[in-house]
Amino acid sequence: MAVQLRKGNAEDAPAIGDICYRAFKAIAESHHFTPDLPSADLAASMLGSFISHEGFFDRVAEIDGRIVGSNFLDERNPISGVGPVTVDPAVQNDGAGRALMQAAFASPRR
């Protein structure tokens, strides 16, 4: 399973929003916390706004043509902020997270 990375587009928002919601929900609930994001729709809206903003570097990860994760780098200030970094819980530990972070470190604006 080779991870392929590409720039995100508006059509990716529902898929990456769902992944973001499920990934953070699973972590929060495993620690008996309330999830930070109340729905996949809110996560999709947030990530969609990041994709459309020129101040954010983004990458979407795919395996066999299926979206499995995303990462964002907020480059609006001299010190960049990373995240959210999310990978579908079903394929965690298969290299997508590492590839997404390496892409953020290699951002052309850094």
C-alpha atoms as a PDB file:
ATOM      1  CA  MET A   1       0.000   0.000   0.000  1.00  0.00           C
ATOM      2  CA  ALA A   2       1.780   3.099  -1.240  1.00  0.00           C
ATOM      3  CA  VAL A   3       0.672   6.437   0.173  1.00  0.00           C
ATOM      4  CA  GLN A   4       0.195   9.154  -2.435  1.00  0.00           C
ATOM      5  CA  LEU A   5       0.001  12.815  -1.421  1.00  0.00           C
ATOM      6  CA  ARG A   6      -1.616  15.677  -3.298  1.00  0.00           C
ATOM      7  CA  LYS A   7      -2.932  19.172  -2.725  1.00  0.00           C
ATOM      8  CA  GLY A   8      -6.467  19.201  -1.401  1.00  0.00           C
ATOM      9  CA  ASN A   9      -9.493  20.641  -3.162  1.00  0.00           C
ATOM     10  CA  ALA A  10     -12.975  21.682  -2.062  1.00  0.00           C
ATOM     11  CA  GLU A  11     -14.452  18.300  -3.045  1.00  0.00           C
ATOM     12  CA  ASP A  12     -12.181  16.588  -0.481  1.00  0.00           C
ATOM     13  CA  ALA A  13     -13.748  18.400   2.488  1.00  0.00           C
ATOM     14  CA  PRO A  14     -16.494  15.854   3.296  1.00  0.00           C
ATOM     15  CA  ALA A  15     -14.078  12.887   3.234  1.00  0.00           C
ATOM     16  CA  ILE A  16     -11.291  14.524   5.223  1.00  0.00           C
ATOM     17  CA  GLY A  17     -13.843  16.052   7.599  1.00  0.00           C
ATOM     18  CA  ASP A  18     -15.267  12.613   8.327  1.00  0.00           C
ATOM     19  CA  ILE A  19     -11.786  11.195   8.916  1.00  0.00           C
ATOM     20  CA  CYS A  20     -10.850  14.110  11.183  1.00  0.00           C
ATOM     21  CA  TYR A  21     -14.049  13.741  13.195  1.00  0.00           C
ATOM     22  CA  ARG A  22     -13.697   9.964  13.625  1.00  0.00           C
ATOM     23  CA  ALA A  23      -9.976  10.097  14.429  1.00  0.00           C
ATOM     24  CA  PHE A  24     -10.268  12.754  17.135  1.00  0.00           C
ATOM     25  CA  LYS A  25     -13.515  11.269  18.484  1.00  0.00           C
ATOM     26  CA  ALA A  26     -11.839   7.887  18.955  1.00  0.00           C
ATOM     27  CA  ILE A  27      -8.909   9.435  20.832  1.00  0.00           C
ATOM     28  CA  ALA A  28     -11.132  11.606  23.027  1.00  0.00           C
ATOM     29  CA  GLU A  29     -13.508   8.803  23.921  1.00  0.00           C
ATOM     30  CA  SER A  30     -10.665   6.410  24.710  1.00  0.00           C
ATOM     31  CA  HIS A  31      -9.632   8.908  27.414  1.00  0.00           C
ATOM     32  CA  HIS A  32     -13.231   9.590  28.520  1.00  0.00           C
ATOM     33  CA  PHE A  33     -13.195  13.149  27.126  1.00  0.00           C
ATOM     34  CA  THR A  34     -15.844  14.910  25.102  1.00  0.00           C
ATOM     35  CA  PRO A  35     -14.766  15.135  21.450  1.00  0.00           C
ATOM     36  CA  ASP A  36     -13.517  18.580  20.353  1.00  0.00           C
ATOM     37  CA  LEU A  37     -15.542  18.444  17.145  1.00  0.00           C
ATOM     38  CA  PRO A  38     -19.268  17.742  17.529  1.00  0.00           C
ATOM     39  CA  SER A  39     -19.793  16.477  13.966  1.00  0.00           C
ATOM     40  CA  ALA A  40     -18.148  15.442  10.729  1.00  0.00           C
ATOM     41  CA  ASP A  41     -19.955  18.319   8.998  1.00  0.00           C
ATOM     42  CA  LEU A  42     -18.284  20.890  11.263  1.00  0.00           C
ATOM     43  CA  ALA A  43     -14.897  19.258  10.670  1.00  0.00           C
ATOM     44  CA  ALA A  44     -15.521  19.305   6.897  1.00  0.00           C
ATOM     45  CA  SER A  45     -16.435  22.988   7.014  1.00  0.00           C
ATOM     46  CA  MET A  46     -13.323  23.846   9.016  1.00  0.00           C
ATOM     47  CA  LEU A  47     -10.947  21.844   6.802  1.00  0.00           C
ATOM     48  CA  GLY A  48     -12.625  23.104   3.641  1.00  0.00           C
ATOM     49  CA  SER A  49     -11.928  26.666   4.770  1.00  0.00           C
ATOM     50  CA  PHE A  50      -8.270  25.762   5.329  1.00  0.00           C
ATOM     51  CA  ILE A  51      -8.007  24.281   1.815  1.00  0.00           C
ATOM     52  CA  SER A  52      -9.436  27.423   0.243  1.00  0.00           C
ATOM     53  CA  HIS A  53      -7.199  29.802   2.226  1.00  0.00           C
ATOM     54  CA  GLU A  54      -3.890  30.720   0.593  1.00  0.00           C
ATOM     55  CA  GLY A  55      -2.210  30.978   4.015  1.00  0.00           C
ATOM     56  CA  PHE A  56      -2.509  27.231   4.614  1.00  0.00           C
ATOM     57  CA  PHE A  57      -0.335  24.507   3.099  1.00  0.00           C
ATOM     58  CA  ASP A  58      -2.338  21.285   2.810  1.00  0.00           C
ATOM     59  CA  ARG A  59      -1.842  17.720   1.716  1.00  0.00           C
ATOM     60  CA  VAL A  60      -4.344  14.898   1.314  1.00  0.00           C
ATOM     61  CA  ALA A  61      -3.168  11.294   1.590  1.00  0.00           C
ATOM     62  CA  GLU A  62      -4.568   8.534  -0.584  1.00  0.00           C
ATOM     63  CA  ILE A  63      -4.014   4.794  -0.669  1.00  0.00           C
ATOM     64  CA  ASP A  64      -5.222   3.021  -3.802  1.00  0.00           C
ATOM     65  CA  GLY A  65      -7.180   6.153  -4.779  1.00  0.00           C
ATOM     66  CA  ARG A  66      -9.051   6.355  -1.449  1.00  0.00           C
ATOM     67  CA  ILE A  67      -8.595   9.372   0.805  1.00  0.00           C
ATOM     68  CA  VAL A  68      -7.085   8.230   4.111  1.00  0.00           C
ATOM     69  CA  GLY A  69      -5.914  11.446   5.758  1.00  0.00           C
ATOM     70  CA  SER A  70      -4.854  15.054   5.610  1.00  0.00           C
ATOM     71  CA  ASN A  71      -2.507  17.581   7.152  1.00  0.00           C
ATOM     72  CA  PHE A  72      -2.434  21.364   7.308  1.00  0.00           C
ATOM     73  CA  LEU A  73       0.278  23.888   7.979  1.00  0.00           C
ATOM     74  CA  ASP A  74      -0.825  27.404   8.958  1.00  0.00           C
ATOM     75  CA  GLU A  75       1.768  29.654   7.344  1.00  0.00           C
ATOM     76  CA  ARG A  76       0.098  32.996   8.043  1.00  0.00           C
ATOM     77  CA  ASN A  77       2.718  33.911  10.654  1.00  0.00           C
ATOM     78  CA  PRO A  78       6.526  33.603  10.871  1.00  0.00           C
ATOM     79  CA  ILE A  79       6.092  30.558  13.115  1.00  0.00           C
ATOM     80  CA  SER A  80       3.948  27.956  11.333  1.00  0.00           C
ATOM     81  CA  GLY A  81       1.306  25.903  13.121  1.00  0.00           C
ATOM     82  CA  VAL A  82       0.883  22.243  12.213  1.00  0.00           C
ATOM     83  CA  GLY A  83      -2.463  20.505  12.145  1.00  0.00           C
ATOM     84  CA  PRO A  84      -4.808  19.049  12.300  1.00  0.00           C
ATOM     85  CA  VAL A  85      -3.066  15.911  11.149  1.00  0.00           C
ATOM     86  CA  THR A  86      -5.555  13.092  10.735  1.00  0.00           C
ATOM     87  CA  VAL A  87      -5.433   9.551   9.419  1.00  0.00           C
ATOM     88  CA  ASP A  88      -8.357   7.181   9.062  1.00  0.00           C
ATOM     89  CA  PRO A  89      -8.264   4.946  12.162  1.00  0.00           C
ATOM     90  CA  ALA A  90      -8.607   1.894   9.888  1.00  0.00           C
ATOM     91  CA  VAL A  91      -5.209   2.549   8.275  1.00  0.00           C
ATOM     92  CA  GLN A  92      -3.224   4.119  11.082  1.00  0.00           C
ATOM     93  CA  ASN A  93       0.361   2.871  11.370  1.00  0.00           C
ATOM     94  CA  ASP A  94       0.566   2.246   7.604  1.00  0.00           C
ATOM     95  CA  GLY A  95       2.738   5.286   6.810  1.00  0.00           C
ATOM     96  CA  ALA A  96       0.172   7.947   5.893  1.00  0.00           C
ATOM     97  CA  GLY A  97       0.803  10.067   8.995  1.00  0.00           C
ATOM     98  CA  ARG A  98       4.559   9.986   8.487  1.00  0.00           C
ATOM     99  CA  ALA A  99       4.188  10.973   4.819  1.00  0.00           C
ATOM    100  CA  LEU A 100       1.859  13.842   5.739  1.00  0.00           C
ATOM    101  CA  MET A 101       4.278  15.192   8.350  1.00  0.00           C
ATOM    102  CA  GLN A 102       7.267  14.907   6.009  1.00  0.00           C
ATOM    103  CA  ALA A 103       5.329  16.917   3.420  1.00  0.00           C
ATOM    104  CA  ALA A 104       4.590  19.634   5.990  1.00  0.00           C
ATOM    105  CA  PHE A 105       8.279  19.856   6.926  1.00  0.00           C
ATOM    106  CA  ALA A 106       9.149  20.182   3.242  1.00  0.00           C
ATOM    107  CA  SER A 107       6.571  22.919   2.555  1.00  0.00           C
ATOM    108  CA  PRO A 108       7.970  25.294  -0.058  1.00  0.00           C
ATOM    109  CA  ARG A 109       7.065  28.325   2.060  1.00  0.00           C
ATOM    110  CA  ARG A 110       9.010  27.193   5.134  1.00  0.00           C
END
